[in-house]
Amino acid sequence: MAPGTSLIGSLVREEGHIYSLAAKTDTLYTGSDSKNIRVWRKQKDSGGFKSSSGLVKAIVISGERIFTGHQDGKIRVWKVSPKNGLHKRVGSLPRLRDFLRGSLNPSNYVEVRKNRTALWIRHSDAVSCLSPMTEQAQGLLYSGSWDRTFKVWRITDSKCLESVVAHDDNVNAIVAAFDGLVFTGSADGTVKVWRREQQGKGTKHVPVQTLLKQEHAVNALAVSAVAPVLYCGSSDGLVNFWEGERHLVHGGVLRGHKKAVFCLAAAGALLLSGSADNTIFVWRRDGSGVHSCLSVLTGHTEPIRCIAVVEDNAEGSDGGGGSRWIVYSGSLDKSIKVWRVCDEAPDAMFQGSGDGSQMFDRYPGDSFAAGSSSTRSFR
């Protein structure tokens, strides 16, 4: 590990495999196949809350609300009671009244599988990913599903504004990002770029680019916190990335994992990638755009499925000159590891500029570069 990086704890409660995490300041939410959402405060078990059905595949925090996406196709909404600090379910997406009202109109039904129809405002398969987008005008929530669609929700009134058939297979990742762009990754091996356009009180998402088209499933996406860079983790163990604000160009590949990359998280200049090889790689992008591997975090005994990051505000945590982060990693070994990670390192473990034998490849003229057959407009 790099200086200042260490394992500082392990959270274990035998409730099943860990599939989702969300963190805010000193509070951590964990989702598992037990249907429970466990709450940890200051790395101590602080109770939890339970849904009636559906493995918890995604958790995000937006303002005072916690949104959870489930295997049963539902999105549930929770709030913390100011009186007793307990979590209470305050609704679901779509709202029951919207569902009942919409079900009366035959035009609201769309075909989701052969000889099967469903209301367009409701996911017909597992909700695999969630991403909030907060703006001055309105807060939006994006949900991606194994039904091949992503949906756009207005947080203030829980209204479904739009449903987009985005891919030919499961939508595994969605990120709402800079310049009104939304990125989706799928089991069909593609990464697509969508631009959000305002239409009255609603939205319309227009496809503008297909960044990647491959045989291997795309499992995770993340956007850099300090630069217009999109990262993509896929089942071949590679992390591809693209750079640019309006038209993205392939920047290179981060190599190192021996098995599928299941999750990504960005913090400051860092990118963390979790894999089926039971490791987490810590990458750092410098001011010139070159990536280095600072650390490889080991300790899990089963594949890592989710990562959450918050800034380390502990007293004395800013010593050493670099930014420090608390990183939570959830695994199929039923544990959550807690790491302190520093983004400053005098000697990176791996750094490169095009040599295929190195950990990092950067070759603007490669098969994914701008103008190639693999970077094409999506119609």
Protein backbone atom coordinates (compact mmCIF):
# COMPACT_ATOMS: atom_id res chain seq x y z
CA MET A 1 0.00 0.00 0.00
CA ALA A 2 0.99 3.61 -0.51
CA PRO A 3 2.05 5.64 2.56
CA GLY A 4 -0.98 6.78 4.53
CA THR A 5 -3.18 3.97 3.18
CA SER A 6 -4.31 1.21 5.54
CA LEU A 7 -7.11 -1.14 6.55
CA ILE A 8 -8.75 0.35 9.64
CA GLY A 9 -11.71 -1.93 10.25
CA SER A 10 -14.05 -4.70 9.17
CA LEU A 11 -17.83 -4.61 9.60
CA VAL A 12 -19.50 -8.00 9.75
CA ARG A 13 -23.08 -9.00 10.38
CA GLU A 14 -24.18 -12.34 8.99
CA GLU A 15 -27.02 -11.08 6.82
CA GLY A 16 -25.93 -12.24 3.40
CA HIS A 17 -23.73 -11.11 0.56
CA ILE A 18 -23.13 -7.35 0.32
CA TYR A 19 -24.38 -5.91 -2.98
CA SER A 20 -24.74 -2.17 -2.37
CA LEU A 21 -23.30 0.66 -0.27
CA ALA A 22 -23.95 4.37 0.24
CA ALA A 23 -22.11 6.68 2.63
CA LYS A 24 -22.58 10.20 3.93
CA THR A 25 -20.24 11.74 6.53
CA ASP A 26 -20.01 9.09 9.30
CA THR A 27 -23.09 7.07 8.26
CA LEU A 28 -22.96 3.99 6.03
CA TYR A 29 -25.88 2.09 4.49
CA THR A 30 -25.35 -1.48 3.31
CA GLY A 31 -27.67 -3.62 1.22
CA SER A 32 -27.59 -7.39 0.94
CA ASP A 33 -29.56 -10.36 -0.32
CA SER A 34 -31.23 -10.56 3.10
CA LYS A 35 -33.52 -7.67 1.98
CA ASN A 36 -32.22 -5.67 4.95
CA ILE A 37 -30.62 -2.23 4.74
CA ARG A 38 -28.16 -2.08 7.61
CA VAL A 39 -27.14 1.29 9.11
CA TRP A 40 -23.65 1.86 10.53
CA ARG A 41 -22.67 5.05 12.34
CA LYS A 42 -19.02 5.71 13.10
CA GLN A 43 -18.37 2.12 11.99
CA LYS A 44 -20.72 0.69 14.61
CA ASP A 45 -23.94 -1.21 13.99
CA SER A 46 -26.81 1.23 14.42
CA GLY A 47 -29.75 -0.99 13.47
CA GLY A 48 -31.44 -1.07 10.12
CA PHE A 49 -34.65 -1.30 8.17
CA LYS A 50 -36.16 -3.98 6.00
CA SER A 51 -38.08 -4.07 2.75
CA SER A 52 -40.85 -6.58 2.24
CA SER A 53 -39.15 -8.20 -0.73
CA GLY A 54 -36.30 -7.86 -3.15
CA LEU A 55 -32.52 -8.13 -2.77
CA VAL A 56 -31.04 -4.62 -2.34
CA LYS A 57 -29.02 -3.99 -5.49
CA ALA A 58 -28.52 -0.21 -5.25
CA ILE A 59 -28.58 2.54 -2.60
CA VAL A 60 -28.19 6.30 -3.09
CA ILE A 61 -28.63 9.26 -0.77
CA SER A 62 -30.21 12.46 -2.10
CA GLY A 63 -30.82 15.21 0.44
CA GLU A 64 -32.78 13.77 3.34
CA ARG A 65 -34.00 10.73 1.42
CA ILE A 66 -32.50 7.32 0.87
CA PHE A 67 -33.47 5.49 -2.31
CA THR A 68 -33.04 1.71 -2.62
CA GLY A 69 -33.32 -0.34 -5.82
CA HIS A 70 -34.43 -3.94 -5.53
CA GLN A 71 -34.41 -7.25 -7.34
CA ASP A 72 -38.22 -7.16 -7.49
CA GLY A 73 -38.14 -4.09 -9.77
CA LYS A 74 -39.20 -1.60 -7.10
CA ILE A 75 -37.54 1.59 -5.89
CA ARG A 76 -38.28 2.33 -2.24
CA VAL A 77 -37.92 5.71 -0.54
CA TRP A 78 -36.89 6.17 3.11
CA LYS A 79 -36.37 9.07 5.52
CA VAL A 80 -34.89 9.37 8.98
CA SER A 81 -37.34 10.38 11.69
CA PRO A 82 -36.10 13.54 13.46
CA LYS A 83 -37.77 12.33 16.66
CA ASN A 84 -36.15 8.95 17.21
CA GLY A 85 -33.59 8.62 14.41
CA LEU A 86 -35.34 5.55 12.97
CA HIS A 87 -35.76 5.05 9.25
CA LYS A 88 -39.27 5.07 7.89
CA ARG A 89 -40.45 4.12 4.45
CA VAL A 90 -42.18 7.16 2.94
CA GLY A 91 -43.04 5.86 -0.51
CA SER A 92 -41.99 4.03 -3.62
CA LEU A 93 -41.36 4.80 -7.28
CA PRO A 94 -43.77 4.93 -8.96
CA ARG A 95 -46.32 6.09 -6.41
CA LEU A 96 -49.24 3.73 -5.92
CA ARG A 97 -51.76 6.32 -7.08
CA ASP A 98 -49.79 6.96 -10.27
CA PHE A 99 -49.60 3.24 -10.88
CA LEU A 100 -53.33 2.73 -10.37
CA ARG A 101 -54.25 5.75 -12.46
CA GLY A 102 -51.93 4.73 -15.27
CA SER A 103 -53.12 1.13 -15.30
CA LEU A 104 -56.56 2.26 -16.47
CA ASN A 105 -55.23 3.58 -19.78
CA PRO A 106 -54.20 0.89 -22.31
CA SER A 107 -51.86 3.36 -24.04
CA ASN A 108 -49.62 3.40 -20.93
CA TYR A 109 -48.59 -0.22 -21.50
CA VAL A 110 -45.45 -1.14 -23.43
CA GLU A 111 -44.04 -4.47 -24.51
CA VAL A 112 -41.21 -5.54 -22.18
CA ARG A 113 -40.77 -9.13 -23.29
CA LYS A 114 -42.32 -11.26 -25.98
CA ASN A 115 -46.05 -11.45 -25.32
CA ARG A 116 -45.65 -9.47 -22.10
CA THR A 117 -46.59 -5.86 -21.43
CA ALA A 118 -46.16 -3.55 -18.44
CA LEU A 119 -46.79 0.04 -17.45
CA TRP A 120 -44.05 2.29 -18.82
CA ILE A 121 -43.63 4.06 -15.47
CA ARG A 122 -42.65 0.86 -13.66
CA HIS A 123 -39.57 -1.33 -14.06
CA SER A 124 -40.46 -4.87 -15.09
CA ASP A 125 -37.20 -6.43 -13.85
CA ALA A 126 -34.51 -5.83 -11.22
CA VAL A 127 -33.42 -2.26 -10.54
CA SER A 128 -29.66 -2.60 -10.86
CA CYS A 129 -28.41 0.98 -10.47
CA LEU A 130 -29.43 4.45 -9.28
CA SER A 131 -27.90 7.89 -9.80
CA PRO A 132 -29.16 11.25 -8.48
CA MET A 133 -28.76 14.51 -10.36
CA THR A 134 -29.34 17.64 -8.26
CA GLU A 135 -29.92 20.93 -10.05
CA GLN A 136 -31.16 24.35 -9.09
CA ALA A 137 -34.41 23.85 -10.98
CA GLN A 138 -35.18 20.31 -9.90
CA GLY A 139 -33.68 17.16 -8.44
CA LEU A 140 -33.73 14.09 -10.65
CA LEU A 141 -33.15 10.43 -9.95
CA TYR A 142 -32.11 7.98 -12.67
CA SER A 143 -32.76 4.25 -12.39
CA GLY A 144 -31.37 1.51 -14.61
CA SER A 145 -32.84 -1.96 -14.85
CA TRP A 146 -32.45 -5.43 -16.22
CA ASP A 147 -35.55 -4.61 -18.29
CA ARG A 148 -33.08 -2.75 -20.60
CA THR A 149 -34.47 0.69 -19.78
CA PHE A 150 -33.53 3.65 -17.67
CA LYS A 151 -36.16 5.87 -16.13
CA VAL A 152 -36.05 9.51 -15.02
CA TRP A 153 -37.82 10.51 -11.80
CA ARG A 154 -38.51 13.95 -10.36
CA ILE A 155 -37.65 13.70 -6.69
CA THR A 156 -39.98 16.45 -5.44
CA ASP A 157 -43.18 14.65 -6.43
CA SER A 158 -41.93 11.11 -7.27
CA LYS A 159 -43.20 11.48 -10.83
CA CYS A 160 -41.74 9.40 -13.66
CA LEU A 161 -40.82 11.88 -16.38
CA GLU A 162 -39.40 9.52 -18.97
CA SER A 163 -38.58 5.91 -19.77
CA VAL A 164 -35.86 5.13 -22.31
CA VAL A 165 -35.22 1.75 -23.93
CA ALA A 166 -31.45 2.12 -23.80
CA HIS A 167 -29.80 -1.23 -24.53
CA ASP A 168 -30.24 -4.72 -25.93
CA ASP A 169 -29.50 -6.35 -22.57
CA ASN A 170 -29.46 -5.51 -18.84
CA VAL A 171 -28.57 -1.95 -17.86
CA ASN A 172 -25.91 -2.51 -15.20
CA ALA A 173 -24.70 1.05 -14.56
CA ILE A 174 -25.93 4.62 -14.92
CA VAL A 175 -24.26 7.93 -14.04
CA ALA A 176 -25.73 11.41 -14.36
CA ALA A 177 -22.78 13.71 -14.94
CA PHE A 178 -21.43 16.96 -16.33
CA ASP A 179 -22.94 19.14 -19.08
CA GLY A 180 -26.35 17.45 -18.92
CA LEU A 181 -24.89 14.10 -19.98
CA VAL A 182 -26.01 10.70 -18.73
CA PHE A 183 -23.93 7.55 -19.24
CA THR A 184 -25.26 3.99 -19.33
CA GLY A 185 -23.40 0.68 -19.37
CA SER A 186 -24.92 -2.68 -20.23
CA ALA A 187 -24.44 -6.41 -20.35
CA ASP A 188 -24.66 -5.99 -24.14
CA GLY A 189 -21.07 -4.66 -23.98
CA THR A 190 -21.83 -1.04 -24.83
CA VAL A 191 -21.44 2.31 -23.10
CA LYS A 192 -23.80 5.00 -24.37
CA VAL A 193 -23.98 8.75 -23.88
CA TRP A 194 -27.29 10.59 -23.57
CA ARG A 195 -27.93 14.31 -23.44
CA ARG A 196 -30.75 15.63 -21.29
CA GLU A 197 -33.00 18.21 -22.91
CA GLN A 198 -35.72 20.11 -21.13
CA GLN A 199 -39.22 19.82 -22.59
CA GLY A 200 -41.67 21.95 -20.66
CA LYS A 201 -41.92 20.37 -17.22
CA GLY A 202 -40.50 17.10 -18.49
CA THR A 203 -37.28 15.81 -20.02
CA LYS A 204 -36.11 14.08 -23.15
CA HIS A 205 -32.85 12.17 -23.37
CA VAL A 206 -31.23 12.07 -26.78
CA PRO A 207 -28.52 9.50 -27.68
CA VAL A 208 -25.33 11.23 -28.81
CA GLN A 209 -22.50 8.66 -28.70
CA THR A 210 -21.71 4.99 -28.32
CA LEU A 211 -18.30 4.88 -26.63
CA LEU A 212 -17.71 1.17 -26.45
CA LYS A 213 -19.01 -1.92 -28.20
CA GLN A 214 -17.51 -5.23 -27.11
CA GLU A 215 -18.39 -8.80 -26.20
CA HIS A 216 -17.69 -8.38 -22.48
CA ALA A 217 -20.41 -7.01 -20.21
CA VAL A 218 -20.05 -3.49 -18.80
CA ASN A 219 -20.58 -3.68 -15.03
CA ALA A 220 -19.69 -0.25 -13.62
CA LEU A 221 -19.28 3.41 -14.53
CA ALA A 222 -17.83 6.37 -12.63
CA VAL A 223 -17.10 10.01 -13.43
CA SER A 224 -14.02 11.79 -12.08
CA ALA A 225 -14.71 14.37 -9.40
CA VAL A 226 -12.11 16.80 -10.75
CA ALA A 227 -12.09 16.38 -14.55
CA PRO A 228 -14.47 15.44 -17.39
CA VAL A 229 -13.39 11.80 -17.44
CA LEU A 230 -15.64 8.73 -17.62
CA TYR A 231 -14.41 5.34 -16.39
CA CYS A 232 -15.89 1.97 -17.34
CA GLY A 233 -15.25 -1.40 -15.67
CA SER A 234 -16.12 -4.58 -17.50
CA SER A 235 -16.03 -8.36 -17.25
CA ASP A 236 -12.68 -8.66 -19.03
CA GLY A 237 -10.97 -7.05 -16.02
CA LEU A 238 -10.19 -3.78 -17.84
CA VAL A 239 -11.03 -0.20 -16.93
CA ASN A 240 -11.45 1.95 -20.05
CA PHE A 241 -11.71 5.71 -19.82
CA TRP A 242 -12.79 8.59 -22.03
CA GLU A 243 -12.06 12.31 -21.79
CA GLY A 244 -13.90 15.40 -23.00
CA GLU A 245 -16.86 17.56 -22.06
CA ARG A 246 -19.22 17.34 -25.03
CA HIS A 247 -17.62 14.76 -27.33
CA LEU A 248 -15.70 12.11 -25.43
CA VAL A 249 -12.54 10.54 -26.83
CA HIS A 250 -11.00 7.29 -25.63
CA GLY A 251 -8.03 8.06 -23.37
CA GLY A 252 -6.70 4.62 -22.53
CA VAL A 253 -7.03 1.44 -20.48
CA LEU A 254 -6.13 0.72 -16.87
CA ARG A 255 -4.88 -2.86 -16.64
CA GLY A 256 -4.22 -4.89 -13.52
CA HIS A 257 -7.26 -6.86 -12.42
CA LYS A 258 -7.19 -10.57 -13.21
CA LYS A 259 -10.98 -10.98 -13.23
CA ALA A 260 -14.12 -8.95 -13.86
CA VAL A 261 -14.36 -5.39 -12.55
CA PHE A 262 -17.69 -5.12 -10.69
CA CYS A 263 -17.56 -1.63 -9.17
CA LEU A 264 -15.93 1.77 -9.47
CA ALA A 265 -15.84 4.86 -7.27
CA ALA A 266 -14.22 8.25 -7.85
CA ALA A 267 -12.91 10.59 -5.13
CA GLY A 268 -10.81 13.66 -5.85
CA ALA A 269 -8.06 12.61 -8.24
CA LEU A 270 -8.54 8.95 -7.33
CA LEU A 271 -10.41 6.08 -8.94
CA LEU A 272 -11.05 2.86 -7.02
CA SER A 273 -11.88 -0.35 -8.86
CA GLY A 274 -13.23 -3.49 -7.17
CA SER A 275 -13.03 -6.87 -8.80
CA ALA A 276 -13.92 -10.54 -8.76
CA ASP A 277 -10.21 -11.13 -8.05
CA ASN A 278 -10.97 -9.92 -4.46
CA THR A 279 -8.79 -6.79 -4.78
CA ILE A 280 -9.31 -3.04 -4.98
CA PHE A 281 -6.93 -1.02 -7.14
CA VAL A 282 -6.35 2.63 -6.23
CA TRP A 283 -5.56 4.73 -9.32
CA ARG A 284 -4.51 8.39 -9.40
CA ARG A 285 -4.85 10.74 -12.35
CA ASP A 286 -2.30 13.56 -12.30
CA GLY A 287 -2.70 17.05 -13.77
CA SER A 288 -1.42 15.93 -17.18
CA GLY A 289 -3.93 13.08 -17.40
CA VAL A 290 -1.52 10.22 -16.68
CA HIS A 291 -2.79 7.47 -14.38
CA SER A 292 -0.72 5.59 -11.81
CA CYS A 293 -1.61 2.70 -9.52
CA LEU A 294 -0.90 3.82 -5.95
CA SER A 295 -2.11 0.77 -4.01
CA VAL A 296 -3.70 -2.64 -4.26
CA LEU A 297 -6.01 -3.27 -1.31
CA THR A 298 -6.32 -6.92 -0.28
CA GLY A 299 -8.26 -8.57 2.52
CA HIS A 300 -11.55 -9.74 1.07
CA THR A 301 -11.90 -13.45 0.39
CA GLU A 302 -14.69 -13.22 -2.19
CA PRO A 303 -15.52 -10.87 -5.11
CA ILE A 304 -15.99 -7.18 -4.30
CA ARG A 305 -19.37 -5.91 -5.50
CA CYS A 306 -19.58 -2.31 -4.26
CA ILE A 307 -17.48 0.64 -3.07
CA ALA A 308 -18.41 3.89 -1.30
CA VAL A 309 -16.11 6.79 -0.46
CA VAL A 310 -16.31 9.80 1.87
CA GLU A 311 -13.74 12.40 2.79
CA ASP A 312 -11.74 11.64 5.91
CA ASN A 313 -12.42 14.49 8.32
CA ALA A 314 -10.82 12.87 11.35
CA GLU A 315 -8.53 15.06 13.42
CA GLY A 316 -5.00 14.88 12.10
CA SER A 317 -6.07 13.14 8.91
CA ASP A 318 -4.61 15.83 6.68
CA GLY A 319 -1.04 15.12 7.69
CA GLY A 320 1.36 14.17 4.92
CA GLY A 321 0.21 16.68 2.31
CA GLY A 322 -2.34 14.57 0.41
CA SER A 323 -6.09 14.24 0.57
CA ARG A 324 -7.40 11.35 2.62
CA TRP A 325 -10.53 9.30 2.13
CA ILE A 326 -12.48 6.66 4.00
CA VAL A 327 -13.28 3.84 1.59
CA TYR A 328 -15.89 1.16 2.26
CA SER A 329 -15.86 -2.05 0.22
CA GLY A 330 -18.66 -4.63 0.23
CA SER A 331 -18.06 -8.24 -0.77
CA LEU A 332 -19.71 -11.57 -1.33
CA ASP A 333 -17.72 -12.71 1.74
CA LYS A 334 -20.51 -10.92 3.74
CA SER A 335 -18.15 -8.27 5.13
CA ILE A 336 -17.51 -4.57 4.65
CA LYS A 337 -13.87 -3.49 4.88
CA VAL A 338 -13.02 0.06 5.94
CA TRP A 339 -9.87 1.63 4.50
CA ARG A 340 -8.10 4.93 4.93
CA VAL A 341 -6.67 5.92 1.55
CA CYS A 342 -4.25 8.74 0.78
CA ASP A 343 -3.94 10.14 -2.74
CA GLU A 344 -0.33 11.19 -2.32
CA ALA A 345 2.46 8.73 -3.09
CA PRO A 346 6.14 9.41 -3.81
CA ASP A 347 6.53 6.33 -6.00
CA ALA A 348 3.60 4.86 -7.87
CA MET A 349 3.52 1.09 -8.22
CA PHE A 350 2.77 1.19 -11.94
CA GLN A 351 2.85 3.92 -14.55
CA GLY A 352 3.07 3.77 -18.29
CA SER A 353 2.40 5.41 -21.64
CA GLY A 354 1.57 2.77 -24.16
CA ASP A 355 3.64 -0.35 -23.44
CA GLY A 356 1.19 -3.23 -23.53
CA SER A 357 3.07 -5.05 -20.77
CA GLN A 358 2.54 -2.24 -18.29
CA MET A 359 -0.43 -1.64 -16.04
CA PHE A 360 -1.59 1.41 -17.96
CA ASP A 361 -1.96 1.98 -21.68
CA ARG A 362 -2.45 5.37 -23.26
CA TYR A 363 -2.61 5.38 -27.03
CA PRO A 364 -4.76 8.07 -28.67
CA GLY A 365 -4.52 6.27 -31.98
CA ASP A 366 -5.96 2.98 -30.75
CA SER A 367 -9.11 1.28 -31.98
CA PHE A 368 -11.31 3.32 -29.62
CA ALA A 369 -9.87 6.72 -30.53
CA ALA A 370 -11.96 9.51 -32.01
CA GLY A 371 -12.94 8.90 -35.60
CA SER A 372 -12.54 5.13 -35.41
CA SER A 373 -15.29 2.67 -36.18
CA SER A 374 -15.78 1.99 -32.46
CA THR A 375 -16.56 5.61 -31.56
CA ARG A 376 -19.73 6.27 -33.44
CA SER A 377 -22.91 8.22 -33.09
CA PHE A 378 -25.82 6.20 -31.82
CA ARG A 379 -29.02 6.28 -33.83
